[in-house]
Every structure is written in C-alpha cells, then in structure tokens.
C-alpha cells in the first residue's frame, strides 16, 4: 500500500522518424511512509539510461528545458555527442498536510561525449508550494505514487495559491564555451519563477 516501483524500456525514435535511433531504460520507486487521511508524505527515486544508435550520422541526445509554461519557449542546456549515452538520476519529495502542499525534485544528468570533448553534467531541480484557500487536500494515488487534483468542496470551486521555482544548469558550460558553440558560459541554463 505504501510502495510503488516501475521499470520501462523504450525506443528513442521520434514519432515521425524511421529507423533505429537507440534504446532507453528507466526505473522509478516511491515510498509513502506517512499515508493518513489529510496527510501524505511521499519520497521517490528514479534513474534513466539512454543509449542512441551509432548509425551514420549518429543520434545525439539533447537536453532541453521548457520555460514560461509547458508549451512556451525551450532552451538547450546540454547535449551528448557522437551517439554517446545519457544517464539521469533523480530524487523526489512531496508532503500534503491538510490544505498545504509542498513538492520538489532534484535531477542530475551526465551527458557523455565522443572523442576528447568533456562530459557535461546537468543539475536540475524545482520546489513548489501551495495552499488551498477553500480547505481541500491534494489526493494521493497510491497505486502510481503521484498526487492528483482535489474535488472542490463547494460550488464556488477549489481556490489555490501556488508558487514554484525551477532551475537547470549545465555545470560544465565553461569547459566548452557555452551551449550551441557560443562564447557565453551562462548560455546553458534556465531559471523560472511561477506564481498563480
């Protein structure tokens, strides 16, 4: 009732592409050590390994971050080159206590490079907090280890105040002159603050 785990394998081929673009595997486990009415504590860990095909030309893995909303602009914060793999490890935390909710994730990604190019490490994290002014509690799906959207308690709806900070930084940008071959070492990062 308090543990979940999952493992998956997938093709790196884009939806409208043909041929073999490599494979990826991922694992995720969650634990809810506190699971009671009106209070949930959630902890999790995940890992991903993606190995592109070594065809001609080799497939490169690019790490992009969307900012200003899911469908907003995107920026490249790093890439693996020459068909080399990418490995990602992550930790997650969330707590829902009555109308209060806090959640965060921390990810570290290693992008390997062909030849003598330096490897790139991407550090990405976010923290988010909210309070339901109308008293709802965020429900927890124990089968999938995720939080859902509450049902409003009244006809006026569920009103929530929320804020979030996101950051993704290529820790090795200076060693290769910045993203996309640029000369500015701060070109491989993204930060955003969201409130609603």
N, C-alpha and C. Protein backbone atom coordinates (compact mmCIF):
# COMPACT_ATOMS: atom_id res chain seq x y z
N UNK A 1 0.79 -1.22 0.00
CA UNK A 1 0.00 0.00 0.00
C UNK A 1 0.83 1.28 0.00
N UNK A 2 2.10 1.21 0.41
CA UNK A 2 2.90 2.43 0.52
C UNK A 2 4.10 2.44 -0.41
N UNK A 3 4.32 1.37 -1.17
CA UNK A 3 5.46 1.28 -2.08
C UNK A 3 4.99 1.13 -3.52
N UNK A 4 5.68 1.79 -4.46
CA UNK A 4 5.45 1.55 -5.88
C UNK A 4 6.81 1.39 -6.55
N UNK A 5 6.82 0.68 -7.64
CA UNK A 5 8.04 0.59 -8.45
C UNK A 5 7.64 0.33 -9.89
N UNK A 6 8.51 0.74 -10.78
CA UNK A 6 8.24 0.53 -12.19
C UNK A 6 9.53 0.49 -12.97
N UNK A 7 9.52 -0.22 -14.06
CA UNK A 7 10.66 -0.30 -14.95
C UNK A 7 10.13 -0.26 -16.38
N UNK A 8 10.84 0.42 -17.26
CA UNK A 8 10.38 0.53 -18.64
C UNK A 8 11.53 0.55 -19.62
N UNK A 9 11.25 0.14 -20.82
CA UNK A 9 12.21 0.22 -21.92
C UNK A 9 11.50 0.88 -23.09
N UNK A 10 12.22 1.69 -23.86
CA UNK A 10 11.58 2.42 -24.95
C UNK A 10 12.59 2.72 -26.05
N UNK A 11 12.04 3.04 -27.22
CA UNK A 11 12.82 3.38 -28.41
C UNK A 11 13.03 4.90 -28.41
N UNK A 12 14.20 5.37 -28.78
CA UNK A 12 14.48 6.80 -28.84
C UNK A 12 14.02 7.44 -30.15
N UNK A 13 13.42 6.67 -31.02
CA UNK A 13 12.99 7.17 -32.33
C UNK A 13 11.86 8.19 -32.15
N UNK A 14 11.97 9.29 -32.86
CA UNK A 14 10.90 10.29 -32.87
C UNK A 14 9.67 9.69 -33.55
N UNK A 15 8.51 10.23 -33.23
CA UNK A 15 7.25 9.68 -33.74
C UNK A 15 7.22 9.62 -35.27
N UNK A 16 7.71 10.66 -35.94
CA UNK A 16 7.60 10.71 -37.39
C UNK A 16 8.90 10.31 -38.09
N UNK A 17 9.84 9.67 -37.35
CA UNK A 17 11.12 9.26 -37.95
C UNK A 17 11.09 7.77 -38.25
N UNK A 18 12.03 7.33 -39.06
CA UNK A 18 12.13 5.90 -39.35
C UNK A 18 13.49 5.40 -38.92
N UNK A 19 13.62 4.11 -38.79
CA UNK A 19 14.91 3.51 -38.45
C UNK A 19 15.12 3.38 -36.96
N UNK A 20 16.30 2.93 -36.61
CA UNK A 20 16.68 2.68 -35.23
C UNK A 20 17.44 3.87 -34.68
N UNK A 21 16.92 4.49 -33.64
CA UNK A 21 17.60 5.62 -33.03
C UNK A 21 18.14 5.30 -31.64
N UNK A 22 18.09 4.04 -31.23
CA UNK A 22 18.61 3.65 -29.94
C UNK A 22 17.52 3.29 -28.95
N UNK A 23 17.95 2.91 -27.75
CA UNK A 23 17.02 2.47 -26.71
C UNK A 23 17.27 3.19 -25.40
N UNK A 24 16.26 3.21 -24.57
CA UNK A 24 16.37 3.77 -23.24
C UNK A 24 15.69 2.85 -22.24
N UNK A 25 16.15 2.89 -21.01
CA UNK A 25 15.51 2.16 -19.91
C UNK A 25 15.34 3.13 -18.74
N UNK A 26 14.28 2.93 -17.97
CA UNK A 26 14.06 3.79 -16.82
C UNK A 26 13.50 2.97 -15.67
N UNK A 27 13.78 3.41 -14.45
CA UNK A 27 13.25 2.79 -13.24
C UNK A 27 12.78 3.90 -12.31
N UNK A 28 11.76 3.61 -11.51
CA UNK A 28 11.25 4.56 -10.53
C UNK A 28 10.67 3.79 -9.36
N UNK A 29 10.94 4.28 -8.15
CA UNK A 29 10.37 3.70 -6.95
C UNK A 29 9.90 4.83 -6.05
N UNK A 30 8.76 4.62 -5.38
CA UNK A 30 8.26 5.62 -4.44
C UNK A 30 7.89 4.94 -3.13
N UNK A 31 7.89 5.73 -2.07
CA UNK A 31 7.54 5.25 -0.75
C UNK A 31 6.75 6.34 -0.05
N UNK A 32 5.63 5.98 0.54
CA UNK A 32 4.81 6.92 1.29
C UNK A 32 4.83 6.48 2.76
N UNK A 33 5.87 6.90 3.53
CA UNK A 33 5.97 6.44 4.91
C UNK A 33 4.86 6.97 5.82
N UNK A 34 4.21 8.07 5.40
CA UNK A 34 3.08 8.60 6.15
C UNK A 34 1.92 8.73 5.17
N UNK A 35 0.90 7.91 5.39
CA UNK A 35 -0.24 7.87 4.48
C UNK A 35 -1.50 7.80 5.34
N UNK A 36 -2.05 8.96 5.65
CA UNK A 36 -3.22 9.04 6.52
C UNK A 36 -4.22 10.02 5.90
N UNK A 37 -5.42 10.04 6.44
CA UNK A 37 -6.43 10.97 5.97
C UNK A 37 -5.95 12.39 6.24
N UNK A 38 -5.84 13.20 5.20
CA UNK A 38 -5.42 14.59 5.33
C UNK A 38 -3.93 14.81 5.43
N UNK A 39 -3.12 13.73 5.37
CA UNK A 39 -1.68 13.92 5.41
C UNK A 39 -0.96 12.79 4.68
N UNK A 40 -0.08 13.18 3.73
CA UNK A 40 0.70 12.22 2.96
C UNK A 40 2.12 12.75 2.85
N UNK A 41 3.08 11.88 3.13
CA UNK A 41 4.49 12.17 2.89
C UNK A 41 4.97 11.21 1.82
N UNK A 42 5.55 11.74 0.74
CA UNK A 42 5.94 10.94 -0.42
C UNK A 42 7.43 11.15 -0.69
N UNK A 43 8.16 10.04 -0.88
CA UNK A 43 9.57 10.07 -1.26
C UNK A 43 9.75 9.19 -2.48
N UNK A 44 10.67 9.55 -3.36
CA UNK A 44 10.87 8.75 -4.56
C UNK A 44 12.26 8.89 -5.13
N UNK A 45 12.61 7.93 -5.97
CA UNK A 45 13.90 7.95 -6.67
C UNK A 45 13.69 7.38 -8.06
N UNK A 46 14.47 7.87 -9.02
CA UNK A 46 14.34 7.39 -10.39
C UNK A 46 15.71 7.39 -11.08
N UNK A 47 15.79 6.64 -12.15
CA UNK A 47 17.00 6.59 -12.95
C UNK A 47 16.68 6.28 -14.40
N UNK A 48 17.45 6.85 -15.31
CA UNK A 48 17.24 6.63 -16.74
C UNK A 48 18.60 6.48 -17.42
N UNK A 49 18.66 5.54 -18.36
CA UNK A 49 19.86 5.37 -19.19
C UNK A 49 19.39 5.33 -20.64
N UNK A 50 19.90 6.23 -21.47
CA UNK A 50 19.53 6.30 -22.88
C UNK A 50 20.78 6.14 -23.73
N UNK A 51 20.74 5.17 -24.63
CA UNK A 51 21.89 4.87 -25.50
C UNK A 51 21.43 4.99 -26.95
N UNK A 52 21.84 6.08 -27.64
CA UNK A 52 21.46 6.24 -29.04
C UNK A 52 22.16 5.20 -29.92
N UNK A 53 21.61 5.02 -31.10
CA UNK A 53 22.26 4.13 -32.07
C UNK A 53 23.54 4.80 -32.58
N UNK A 54 24.44 3.99 -33.08
CA UNK A 54 25.70 4.54 -33.59
C UNK A 54 25.69 4.57 -35.11
N UNK A 55 24.52 4.84 -35.67
CA UNK A 55 24.39 4.88 -37.13
C UNK A 55 25.10 6.08 -37.72
N UNK A 56 24.90 6.30 -39.02
CA UNK A 56 25.52 7.42 -39.70
C UNK A 56 24.42 8.33 -40.23
N UNK A 57 24.32 9.57 -39.78
CA UNK A 57 25.09 10.14 -38.68
C UNK A 57 24.54 9.62 -37.35
N UNK A 58 25.35 9.60 -36.28
CA UNK A 58 24.87 9.11 -35.00
C UNK A 58 23.82 10.03 -34.41
N UNK A 59 22.91 9.47 -33.63
CA UNK A 59 21.88 10.25 -32.96
C UNK A 59 22.48 10.92 -31.74
N UNK A 60 22.21 12.19 -31.56
CA UNK A 60 22.66 12.91 -30.37
C UNK A 60 21.47 13.18 -29.45
N UNK A 61 21.71 13.06 -28.15
CA UNK A 61 20.68 13.36 -27.16
C UNK A 61 20.86 14.80 -26.73
N UNK A 62 19.78 15.59 -26.82
CA UNK A 62 19.82 16.99 -26.40
C UNK A 62 18.91 17.15 -25.20
N UNK A 63 19.35 17.90 -24.21
CA UNK A 63 18.55 18.17 -23.03
C UNK A 63 17.99 19.58 -23.16
N UNK A 64 16.67 19.67 -23.26
CA UNK A 64 16.02 20.96 -23.39
C UNK A 64 15.10 21.20 -22.19
N UNK A 65 14.90 22.46 -21.88
CA UNK A 65 14.05 22.85 -20.76
C UNK A 65 13.01 23.82 -21.29
N UNK A 66 11.74 23.54 -21.01
CA UNK A 66 10.66 24.47 -21.36
C UNK A 66 10.51 25.47 -20.22
N UNK A 67 10.38 26.73 -20.57
CA UNK A 67 10.12 27.74 -19.56
C UNK A 67 8.96 28.59 -20.04
N UNK A 68 8.37 29.34 -19.16
CA UNK A 68 7.16 30.13 -19.46
C UNK A 68 6.02 29.22 -19.88
N UNK A 69 5.85 28.10 -19.17
CA UNK A 69 4.75 27.18 -19.45
C UNK A 69 5.19 25.98 -20.26
N UNK A 70 4.39 24.95 -20.23
CA UNK A 70 4.71 23.70 -20.93
C UNK A 70 4.87 23.89 -22.43
N UNK A 71 4.10 24.78 -23.00
CA UNK A 71 4.16 24.99 -24.45
C UNK A 71 4.91 26.27 -24.80
N UNK A 72 5.61 26.82 -23.83
CA UNK A 72 6.37 28.04 -24.07
C UNK A 72 7.70 27.75 -24.74
N UNK A 73 8.57 28.74 -24.77
CA UNK A 73 9.87 28.57 -25.41
C UNK A 73 10.71 27.51 -24.69
N UNK A 74 11.69 26.97 -25.41
CA UNK A 74 12.59 25.95 -24.87
C UNK A 74 14.03 26.41 -25.10
N UNK A 75 14.90 25.99 -24.19
CA UNK A 75 16.31 26.27 -24.36
C UNK A 75 17.11 24.99 -24.18
N UNK A 76 18.20 24.87 -24.92
CA UNK A 76 19.08 23.72 -24.81
C UNK A 76 20.05 23.98 -23.66
N UNK A 77 20.13 23.04 -22.71
CA UNK A 77 21.07 23.21 -21.61
C UNK A 77 22.26 22.24 -21.73
N UNK A 78 22.21 21.32 -22.69
CA UNK A 78 23.33 20.42 -22.91
C UNK A 78 22.98 19.35 -23.93
N UNK A 79 24.01 18.64 -24.39
CA UNK A 79 23.77 17.55 -25.33
C UNK A 79 24.93 16.56 -25.29
N UNK A 80 24.60 15.30 -25.53
CA UNK A 80 25.60 14.26 -25.72
C UNK A 80 25.92 14.26 -27.21
N UNK A 81 27.14 13.90 -27.57
CA UNK A 81 27.52 13.94 -28.98
C UNK A 81 28.03 12.59 -29.45
N UNK A 82 27.99 12.40 -30.77
CA UNK A 82 28.56 11.20 -31.38
C UNK A 82 27.89 9.91 -30.99
N UNK A 83 26.60 9.97 -30.65
CA UNK A 83 25.89 8.76 -30.28
C UNK A 83 26.21 8.24 -28.89
N UNK A 84 26.82 9.09 -28.05
CA UNK A 84 27.16 8.67 -26.69
C UNK A 84 25.92 8.73 -25.79
N UNK A 85 25.92 7.97 -24.68
CA UNK A 85 24.72 7.86 -23.84
C UNK A 85 24.53 9.00 -22.86
N UNK A 86 23.32 9.06 -22.31
CA UNK A 86 22.96 9.99 -21.24
C UNK A 86 22.42 9.18 -20.07
N UNK A 87 22.83 9.53 -18.85
CA UNK A 87 22.37 8.87 -17.64
C UNK A 87 21.80 9.92 -16.70
N UNK A 88 20.62 9.67 -16.15
CA UNK A 88 19.95 10.62 -15.27
C UNK A 88 19.53 9.92 -13.99
N UNK A 89 19.76 10.57 -12.85
CA UNK A 89 19.31 10.07 -11.55
C UNK A 89 18.52 11.17 -10.88
N UNK A 90 17.44 10.80 -10.19
CA UNK A 90 16.60 11.80 -9.57
C UNK A 90 16.05 11.39 -8.23
N UNK A 91 15.74 12.40 -7.41
CA UNK A 91 15.07 12.22 -6.12
C UNK A 91 13.85 13.11 -6.11
N UNK A 92 12.79 12.68 -5.41
CA UNK A 92 11.57 13.47 -5.33
C UNK A 92 11.02 13.44 -3.91
N UNK A 93 10.34 14.52 -3.54
CA UNK A 93 9.77 14.68 -2.21
C UNK A 93 8.46 15.44 -2.34
N UNK A 94 7.46 15.05 -1.56
CA UNK A 94 6.20 15.80 -1.52
C UNK A 94 5.53 15.57 -0.17
N UNK A 95 4.82 16.58 0.29
CA UNK A 95 4.06 16.47 1.54
C UNK A 95 2.76 17.24 1.36
N UNK A 96 1.66 16.58 1.65
CA UNK A 96 0.34 17.21 1.65
C UNK A 96 -0.21 17.07 3.06
N UNK A 97 -0.37 18.20 3.74
CA UNK A 97 -0.92 18.22 5.09
C UNK A 97 -2.09 19.19 5.09
N UNK A 98 -3.29 18.64 5.16
CA UNK A 98 -4.48 19.49 5.09
C UNK A 98 -4.46 20.29 3.80
N UNK A 99 -4.66 21.60 3.86
CA UNK A 99 -4.69 22.41 2.64
C UNK A 99 -3.30 22.79 2.11
N UNK A 100 -2.24 22.41 2.83
CA UNK A 100 -0.87 22.81 2.45
C UNK A 100 -0.21 21.70 1.65
N UNK A 101 0.57 22.13 0.65
CA UNK A 101 1.25 21.16 -0.22
C UNK A 101 2.62 21.71 -0.59
N UNK A 102 3.63 20.86 -0.49
CA UNK A 102 4.98 21.22 -0.92
C UNK A 102 5.54 20.03 -1.70
N UNK A 103 6.28 20.33 -2.76
CA UNK A 103 6.81 19.28 -3.63
C UNK A 103 8.11 19.76 -4.23
N UNK A 104 9.04 18.82 -4.47
CA UNK A 104 10.30 19.17 -5.11
C UNK A 104 10.94 17.96 -5.75
N UNK A 105 11.77 18.21 -6.75
CA UNK A 105 12.55 17.16 -7.40
C UNK A 105 13.95 17.68 -7.67
N UNK A 106 14.92 16.77 -7.64
CA UNK A 106 16.31 17.06 -7.90
C UNK A 106 16.82 16.04 -8.91
N UNK A 107 17.38 16.49 -10.02
CA UNK A 107 17.88 15.59 -11.06
C UNK A 107 19.32 15.93 -11.41
N UNK A 108 20.11 14.91 -11.62
CA UNK A 108 21.49 15.07 -12.08
C UNK A 108 21.64 14.20 -13.32
N UNK A 109 22.06 14.81 -14.42
CA UNK A 109 22.21 14.10 -15.68
C UNK A 109 23.65 14.20 -16.17
N UNK A 110 24.20 13.07 -16.65
CA UNK A 110 25.53 13.03 -17.23
C UNK A 110 25.39 12.77 -18.72
N UNK A 111 25.95 13.66 -19.53
CA UNK A 111 25.92 13.54 -20.98
C UNK A 111 27.33 13.24 -21.46
N UNK A 112 27.55 12.06 -21.98
CA UNK A 112 28.88 11.68 -22.44
C UNK A 112 29.12 12.23 -23.84
N UNK A 113 30.40 12.37 -24.19
CA UNK A 113 30.78 12.98 -25.46
C UNK A 113 31.72 12.08 -26.24
N UNK A 114 31.67 12.20 -27.55
CA UNK A 114 32.58 11.45 -28.42
C UNK A 114 33.95 12.12 -28.42
N UNK A 115 34.99 11.33 -28.64
CA UNK A 115 36.34 11.88 -28.76
C UNK A 115 36.83 12.47 -27.45
N UNK A 116 37.54 13.59 -27.57
CA UNK A 116 38.17 14.21 -26.41
C UNK A 116 37.32 15.31 -25.79
N UNK A 117 36.07 15.48 -26.24
CA UNK A 117 35.21 16.51 -25.68
C UNK A 117 34.89 16.19 -24.22
N UNK A 118 34.79 17.23 -23.37
CA UNK A 118 34.48 16.97 -21.95
C UNK A 118 33.02 16.56 -21.76
N UNK A 119 32.78 15.67 -20.80
CA UNK A 119 31.42 15.29 -20.45
C UNK A 119 30.70 16.49 -19.88
N UNK A 120 29.36 16.44 -19.93
CA UNK A 120 28.55 17.53 -19.39
C UNK A 120 27.65 16.97 -18.30
N UNK A 121 27.59 17.68 -17.18
CA UNK A 121 26.67 17.33 -16.09
C UNK A 121 25.63 18.43 -15.97
N UNK A 122 24.37 18.02 -16.01
CA UNK A 122 23.24 18.95 -15.89
C UNK A 122 22.61 18.76 -14.51
N UNK A 123 22.47 19.83 -13.78
CA UNK A 123 21.81 19.83 -12.48
C UNK A 123 20.48 20.56 -12.64
N UNK A 124 19.38 19.88 -12.35
CA UNK A 124 18.06 20.49 -12.49
C UNK A 124 17.24 20.19 -11.24
N UNK A 125 16.48 21.18 -10.79
CA UNK A 125 15.64 20.99 -9.62
C UNK A 125 14.51 22.01 -9.61
N UNK A 126 13.50 21.70 -8.81
CA UNK A 126 12.42 22.67 -8.58
C UNK A 126 11.85 22.45 -7.18
N UNK A 127 11.22 23.46 -6.67
CA UNK A 127 10.46 23.38 -5.43
C UNK A 127 9.17 24.17 -5.64
N UNK A 128 8.08 23.61 -5.13
CA UNK A 128 6.76 24.20 -5.35
C UNK A 128 5.96 24.10 -4.06
N UNK A 129 5.23 25.13 -3.73
CA UNK A 129 4.38 25.12 -2.56
C UNK A 129 3.03 25.74 -2.87
N UNK A 130 2.02 25.30 -2.13
CA UNK A 130 0.69 25.86 -2.36
C UNK A 130 -0.18 25.69 -1.12
N UNK A 131 -1.26 26.45 -1.09
CA UNK A 131 -2.27 26.32 -0.05
C UNK A 131 -3.64 26.48 -0.71
N UNK A 132 -4.56 25.57 -0.34
CA UNK A 132 -5.94 25.66 -0.83
C UNK A 132 -6.71 26.57 0.12
N UNK A 133 -7.13 27.73 -0.38
CA UNK A 133 -7.86 28.69 0.43
C UNK A 133 -9.23 28.18 0.83
N UNK A 134 -9.74 27.23 0.06
CA UNK A 134 -11.07 26.67 0.32
C UNK A 134 -10.99 25.36 1.10
N UNK A 135 -9.80 24.96 1.58
CA UNK A 135 -9.67 23.85 2.50
C UNK A 135 -9.46 22.46 1.93
N UNK A 136 -9.40 22.31 0.60
CA UNK A 136 -9.21 20.99 0.02
C UNK A 136 -7.82 20.43 0.35
N UNK A 137 -7.69 19.13 0.25
CA UNK A 137 -6.40 18.45 0.39
C UNK A 137 -6.10 17.73 -0.91
N UNK A 138 -4.86 17.83 -1.36
CA UNK A 138 -4.47 17.18 -2.61
C UNK A 138 -4.51 15.65 -2.43
N UNK A 139 -5.30 14.92 -3.26
CA UNK A 139 -5.40 13.47 -3.11
C UNK A 139 -4.15 12.76 -3.63
N UNK A 140 -3.90 11.58 -3.09
CA UNK A 140 -2.71 10.79 -3.45
C UNK A 140 -3.15 9.49 -4.09
N UNK A 141 -2.58 9.21 -5.27
CA UNK A 141 -2.84 7.95 -5.97
C UNK A 141 -1.75 6.96 -5.54
N UNK A 142 -2.05 6.13 -4.56
CA UNK A 142 -1.02 5.23 -4.02
C UNK A 142 -0.61 4.16 -5.01
N UNK A 143 -1.44 3.87 -5.99
CA UNK A 143 -1.08 2.85 -6.99
C UNK A 143 0.04 3.32 -7.92
N UNK A 144 0.04 4.64 -8.26
CA UNK A 144 1.04 5.20 -9.16
C UNK A 144 2.05 6.10 -8.47
N UNK A 145 1.86 6.36 -7.18
CA UNK A 145 2.79 7.21 -6.45
C UNK A 145 2.80 8.64 -6.93
N UNK A 146 1.62 9.22 -7.21
CA UNK A 146 1.52 10.61 -7.68
C UNK A 146 0.35 11.30 -6.99
N UNK A 147 0.42 12.64 -6.93
CA UNK A 147 -0.67 13.43 -6.38
C UNK A 147 -1.61 13.84 -7.50
N UNK A 148 -2.88 13.99 -7.17
CA UNK A 148 -3.89 14.38 -8.15
C UNK A 148 -4.46 15.75 -7.83
N UNK A 149 -5.58 16.04 -8.48
CA UNK A 149 -6.28 17.30 -8.30
C UNK A 149 -7.49 17.07 -7.40
N UNK A 150 -7.68 17.89 -6.38
CA UNK A 150 -8.81 17.66 -5.47
C UNK A 150 -10.14 18.03 -6.10
N UNK A 151 -11.19 17.44 -5.58
CA UNK A 151 -12.55 17.81 -5.95
C UNK A 151 -12.97 19.00 -5.11
N UNK A 152 -13.56 20.02 -5.72
CA UNK A 152 -13.99 21.20 -4.95
C UNK A 152 -15.00 20.81 -3.87
N UNK A 153 -14.91 21.49 -2.73
CA UNK A 153 -15.83 21.23 -1.63
C UNK A 153 -17.15 21.99 -1.80
N UNK A 154 -17.14 23.03 -2.64
CA UNK A 154 -18.36 23.82 -2.82
C UNK A 154 -18.53 24.18 -4.29
N UNK A 155 -19.66 24.78 -4.60
CA UNK A 155 -19.94 25.21 -5.97
C UNK A 155 -19.01 26.33 -6.42
N UNK A 156 -18.41 27.04 -5.48
CA UNK A 156 -17.50 28.14 -5.81
C UNK A 156 -16.16 27.62 -6.33
N UNK A 157 -15.92 26.32 -6.24
CA UNK A 157 -14.69 25.74 -6.75
C UNK A 157 -13.61 25.61 -5.69
N UNK A 158 -12.47 25.10 -6.10
CA UNK A 158 -11.32 24.96 -5.22
C UNK A 158 -10.33 26.07 -5.59
N UNK A 159 -10.00 26.94 -4.63
CA UNK A 159 -9.11 28.06 -4.88
C UNK A 159 -7.76 27.79 -4.22
N UNK A 160 -6.71 27.88 -5.03
CA UNK A 160 -5.37 27.54 -4.56
C UNK A 160 -4.40 28.68 -4.89
N UNK A 161 -3.55 29.02 -3.95
CA UNK A 161 -2.43 29.92 -4.19
C UNK A 161 -1.18 29.07 -4.29
N UNK A 162 -0.35 29.30 -5.33
CA UNK A 162 0.81 28.45 -5.54
C UNK A 162 1.99 29.27 -6.06
N UNK A 163 3.18 28.77 -5.78
CA UNK A 163 4.41 29.38 -6.29
C UNK A 163 5.42 28.26 -6.54
N UNK A 164 6.30 28.49 -7.53
CA UNK A 164 7.27 27.46 -7.91
C UNK A 164 8.55 28.12 -8.43
N UNK A 165 9.69 27.50 -8.12
CA UNK A 165 10.98 27.93 -8.64
C UNK A 165 11.63 26.74 -9.34
N UNK A 166 12.07 26.94 -10.58
CA UNK A 166 12.74 25.91 -11.37
C UNK A 166 14.13 26.40 -11.76
N UNK A 167 15.09 25.45 -11.84
CA UNK A 167 16.43 25.79 -12.28
C UNK A 167 17.07 24.59 -12.96
N UNK A 168 17.73 24.82 -14.08
CA UNK A 168 18.51 23.79 -14.78
C UNK A 168 19.79 24.45 -15.26
N UNK A 169 20.95 23.86 -14.89
CA UNK A 169 22.24 24.47 -15.20
C UNK A 169 23.20 23.40 -15.69
N UNK A 170 23.88 23.70 -16.79
CA UNK A 170 24.96 22.84 -17.27
C UNK A 170 26.20 23.20 -16.47
N UNK A 171 26.64 22.29 -15.61
CA UNK A 171 27.77 22.54 -14.72
C UNK A 171 29.10 22.66 -15.46
N UNK A 172 29.16 22.21 -16.70
CA UNK A 172 30.41 22.18 -17.46
C UNK A 172 30.40 23.13 -18.65
N UNK A 173 29.50 24.12 -18.67
CA UNK A 173 29.37 25.01 -19.82
C UNK A 173 30.67 25.75 -20.12
N UNK A 174 31.40 26.16 -19.10
CA UNK A 174 32.63 26.92 -19.33
C UNK A 174 33.68 26.10 -20.07
N UNK A 175 33.68 24.79 -19.86
CA UNK A 175 34.72 23.95 -20.46
C UNK A 175 34.59 23.84 -21.97
N UNK A 176 33.40 24.14 -22.54
CA UNK A 176 33.24 24.06 -23.99
C UNK A 176 32.72 25.36 -24.59
N UNK A 177 32.71 26.45 -23.84
CA UNK A 177 32.37 27.75 -24.39
C UNK A 177 30.90 28.07 -24.44
N UNK A 178 30.05 27.33 -23.77
CA UNK A 178 28.62 27.63 -23.75
C UNK A 178 27.84 26.75 -24.70
N UNK A 179 26.53 26.83 -24.62
CA UNK A 179 25.65 25.99 -25.44
C UNK A 179 25.68 26.42 -26.90
N UNK A 180 25.43 25.49 -27.77
CA UNK A 180 25.37 25.73 -29.21
C UNK A 180 26.63 26.38 -29.75
N UNK A 181 27.78 26.09 -29.12
CA UNK A 181 29.05 26.63 -29.61
C UNK A 181 29.26 28.10 -29.30
N UNK A 182 28.39 28.67 -28.46
CA UNK A 182 28.51 30.08 -28.13
C UNK A 182 29.69 30.36 -27.23
N UNK A 183 29.97 31.62 -27.02
CA UNK A 183 31.11 32.01 -26.21
C UNK A 183 30.70 32.43 -24.80
N UNK A 184 29.40 32.43 -24.51
CA UNK A 184 28.94 32.86 -23.20
C UNK A 184 28.67 31.64 -22.34
N UNK A 185 29.45 31.43 -21.26
CA UNK A 185 29.30 30.24 -20.46
C UNK A 185 27.98 30.14 -19.71
N UNK A 186 27.22 31.24 -19.62
CA UNK A 186 25.93 31.17 -18.94
C UNK A 186 24.80 30.85 -19.91
N UNK A 187 25.11 30.46 -21.14
CA UNK A 187 24.08 30.15 -22.12
C UNK A 187 23.40 28.82 -21.92
N UNK A 188 23.89 28.01 -21.00
CA UNK A 188 23.35 26.66 -20.80
C UNK A 188 22.59 26.57 -19.48
N UNK A 189 21.70 27.50 -19.24
CA UNK A 189 20.94 27.46 -18.01
C UNK A 189 19.58 28.07 -18.21
N UNK A 190 18.67 27.69 -17.33
CA UNK A 190 17.32 28.25 -17.35
C UNK A 190 16.82 28.32 -15.92
N UNK A 191 16.17 29.44 -15.60
CA UNK A 191 15.56 29.62 -14.28
C UNK A 191 14.20 30.24 -14.49
N UNK A 192 13.24 29.84 -13.69
CA UNK A 192 11.92 30.46 -13.80
C UNK A 192 11.24 30.47 -12.44
N UNK A 193 10.43 31.50 -12.25
CA UNK A 193 9.58 31.63 -11.07
C UNK A 193 8.15 31.70 -11.57
N UNK A 194 7.30 30.87 -10.99
CA UNK A 194 5.89 30.82 -11.40
C UNK A 194 5.01 31.05 -10.18
N UNK A 195 3.98 31.82 -10.32
CA UNK A 195 3.03 32.05 -9.23
C UNK A 195 1.63 32.10 -9.81
N UNK A 196 0.66 31.64 -9.04
CA UNK A 196 -0.71 31.65 -9.55
C UNK A 196 -1.72 31.53 -8.45
